[in-house]
Amino acid sequence: MSTTPTTGSTGGGADAAIEKMTAAFDSAIEKSAEITKVTTEKKTELDAAKQRPQN
């Protein structure tokens, strides 16, 4: 006999939880990419400012 629970009409909670987690991870990845873009731009600006001659 199998000890694996069967999925019935009440077993959809796992699928919904996976969808929520996937959405949360996708959102986090998008935010991380945006933060990386902004910080890279700021670092580039800072590096350019450091290379300018100071009068």
N, C-alpha and C. Protein backbone atom coordinates (compact mmCIF):
# COMPACT_ATOMS: atom_id res chain seq x y z
N MET A 1 0.83 -1.18 0.00
CA MET A 1 0.00 0.00 0.00
C MET A 1 0.87 1.25 0.00
N SER A 2 0.39 2.23 -0.66
CA SER A 2 1.13 3.48 -0.77
C SER A 2 0.83 4.38 0.42
N THR A 3 1.87 5.04 0.92
CA THR A 3 1.66 5.98 2.02
C THR A 3 1.62 7.43 1.52
N THR A 4 1.71 7.61 0.20
CA THR A 4 1.65 8.94 -0.38
C THR A 4 0.21 9.42 -0.38
N PRO A 5 -0.05 10.60 0.18
CA PRO A 5 -1.42 11.09 0.19
C PRO A 5 -1.90 11.42 -1.22
N THR A 6 -3.15 11.17 -1.45
CA THR A 6 -3.70 11.47 -2.76
C THR A 6 -4.17 12.91 -2.80
N THR A 7 -4.18 13.47 -3.99
CA THR A 7 -4.65 14.84 -4.14
C THR A 7 -6.08 14.79 -4.65
N GLY A 8 -6.95 15.37 -3.89
CA GLY A 8 -8.34 15.45 -4.28
C GLY A 8 -8.76 16.89 -4.37
N SER A 9 -10.02 17.14 -4.21
CA SER A 9 -10.50 18.52 -4.29
C SER A 9 -9.98 19.36 -3.12
N THR A 10 -9.61 18.72 -2.02
CA THR A 10 -9.08 19.46 -0.87
C THR A 10 -7.56 19.55 -0.91
N GLY A 11 -6.92 18.90 -1.88
CA GLY A 11 -5.46 18.88 -1.95
C GLY A 11 -4.87 20.00 -2.77
N GLY A 12 -5.66 20.96 -3.23
CA GLY A 12 -5.16 22.04 -4.07
C GLY A 12 -4.39 23.09 -3.31
N GLY A 13 -4.35 22.99 -2.01
CA GLY A 13 -3.64 23.99 -1.21
C GLY A 13 -2.16 24.03 -1.52
N ALA A 14 -1.58 22.89 -1.81
CA ALA A 14 -0.15 22.85 -2.12
C ALA A 14 0.15 23.60 -3.41
N ASP A 15 -0.68 23.40 -4.42
CA ASP A 15 -0.48 24.10 -5.68
C ASP A 15 -0.61 25.60 -5.49
N ALA A 16 -1.57 26.03 -4.70
CA ALA A 16 -1.76 27.46 -4.44
C ALA A 16 -0.56 28.02 -3.68
N ALA A 17 -0.05 27.26 -2.73
CA ALA A 17 1.11 27.70 -1.96
C ALA A 17 2.33 27.82 -2.86
N ILE A 18 2.50 26.89 -3.77
CA ILE A 18 3.63 26.94 -4.70
C ILE A 18 3.50 28.16 -5.61
N GLU A 19 2.30 28.44 -6.07
CA GLU A 19 2.09 29.61 -6.92
C GLU A 19 2.41 30.90 -6.15
N LYS A 20 2.01 30.96 -4.88
CA LYS A 20 2.31 32.14 -4.06
C LYS A 20 3.81 32.30 -3.87
N MET A 21 4.50 31.20 -3.60
CA MET A 21 5.94 31.26 -3.41
C MET A 21 6.64 31.67 -4.70
N THR A 22 6.18 31.13 -5.82
CA THR A 22 6.76 31.48 -7.11
C THR A 22 6.59 32.96 -7.39
N ALA A 23 5.40 33.49 -7.11
CA ALA A 23 5.14 34.91 -7.32
C ALA A 23 6.04 35.75 -6.41
N ALA A 24 6.20 35.31 -5.17
CA ALA A 24 7.05 36.04 -4.23
C ALA A 24 8.50 36.04 -4.69
N PHE A 25 9.00 34.89 -5.15
CA PHE A 25 10.36 34.81 -5.64
C PHE A 25 10.55 35.66 -6.89
N ASP A 26 9.57 35.62 -7.80
CA ASP A 26 9.67 36.44 -9.01
C ASP A 26 9.73 37.92 -8.66
N SER A 27 8.91 38.33 -7.71
CA SER A 27 8.91 39.73 -7.27
C SER A 27 10.25 40.09 -6.65
N ALA A 28 10.79 39.22 -5.83
CA ALA A 28 12.08 39.47 -5.19
C ALA A 28 13.20 39.56 -6.21
N ILE A 29 13.15 38.72 -7.22
CA ILE A 29 14.17 38.74 -8.27
C ILE A 29 14.11 40.05 -9.04
N GLU A 30 12.90 40.51 -9.35
CA GLU A 30 12.74 41.78 -10.06
C GLU A 30 13.27 42.94 -9.23
N LYS A 31 12.94 42.96 -7.94
CA LYS A 31 13.41 44.02 -7.06
C LYS A 31 14.93 43.99 -6.94
N SER A 32 15.49 42.81 -6.82
CA SER A 32 16.94 42.67 -6.71
C SER A 32 17.63 43.18 -7.98
N ALA A 33 17.06 42.86 -9.13
CA ALA A 33 17.64 43.33 -10.39
C ALA A 33 17.59 44.85 -10.47
N GLU A 34 16.49 45.43 -10.02
CA GLU A 34 16.36 46.89 -10.04
C GLU A 34 17.37 47.55 -9.09
N ILE A 35 17.52 46.97 -7.91
CA ILE A 35 18.49 47.50 -6.93
C ILE A 35 19.90 47.39 -7.49
N THR A 36 20.22 46.28 -8.11
CA THR A 36 21.54 46.09 -8.71
C THR A 36 21.80 47.13 -9.79
N LYS A 37 20.79 47.39 -10.62
CA LYS A 37 20.92 48.38 -11.68
C LYS A 37 21.20 49.77 -11.09
N VAL A 38 20.42 50.15 -10.08
CA VAL A 38 20.59 51.47 -9.48
C VAL A 38 21.95 51.61 -8.82
N THR A 39 22.35 50.61 -8.05
CA THR A 39 23.64 50.70 -7.36
C THR A 39 24.80 50.70 -8.35
N THR A 40 24.68 49.96 -9.43
CA THR A 40 25.72 49.96 -10.46
C THR A 40 25.85 51.33 -11.10
N GLU A 41 24.70 51.97 -11.39
CA GLU A 41 24.73 53.31 -11.96
C GLU A 41 25.37 54.30 -10.98
N LYS A 42 25.01 54.19 -9.71
CA LYS A 42 25.57 55.10 -8.71
C LYS A 42 27.08 54.90 -8.58
N LYS A 43 27.53 53.66 -8.59
CA LYS A 43 28.96 53.38 -8.49
C LYS A 43 29.70 53.89 -9.71
N THR A 44 29.07 53.78 -10.88
CA THR A 44 29.68 54.30 -12.10
C THR A 44 29.84 55.81 -12.02
N GLU A 45 28.81 56.48 -11.54
CA GLU A 45 28.87 57.94 -11.37
C GLU A 45 29.96 58.33 -10.38
N LEU A 46 30.05 57.60 -9.30
CA LEU A 46 31.07 57.88 -8.29
C LEU A 46 32.47 57.67 -8.85
N ASP A 47 32.66 56.58 -9.58
CA ASP A 47 33.97 56.32 -10.18
C ASP A 47 34.34 57.41 -11.18
N ALA A 48 33.35 57.85 -11.96
CA ALA A 48 33.62 58.93 -12.94
C ALA A 48 33.99 60.21 -12.22
N ALA A 49 33.33 60.50 -11.11
CA ALA A 49 33.64 61.70 -10.35
C ALA A 49 35.04 61.64 -9.75
N LYS A 50 35.46 60.48 -9.34
CA LYS A 50 36.79 60.31 -8.77
C LYS A 50 37.88 60.52 -9.81
N GLN A 51 37.57 60.23 -11.07
CA GLN A 51 38.57 60.33 -12.13
C GLN A 51 38.69 61.75 -12.67
N ARG A 52 37.74 62.62 -12.36
CA ARG A 52 37.82 64.00 -12.82
C ARG A 52 38.91 64.74 -12.06
N PRO A 53 39.64 65.58 -12.75
CA PRO A 53 40.67 66.34 -12.05
C PRO A 53 40.04 67.34 -11.07
N GLN A 54 40.61 67.43 -9.89
CA GLN A 54 40.12 68.37 -8.89
C GLN A 54 40.89 69.67 -9.00
N ASN A 55 40.21 70.76 -9.25
CA ASN A 55 40.89 72.08 -9.38
C ASN A 55 40.83 72.84 -8.09
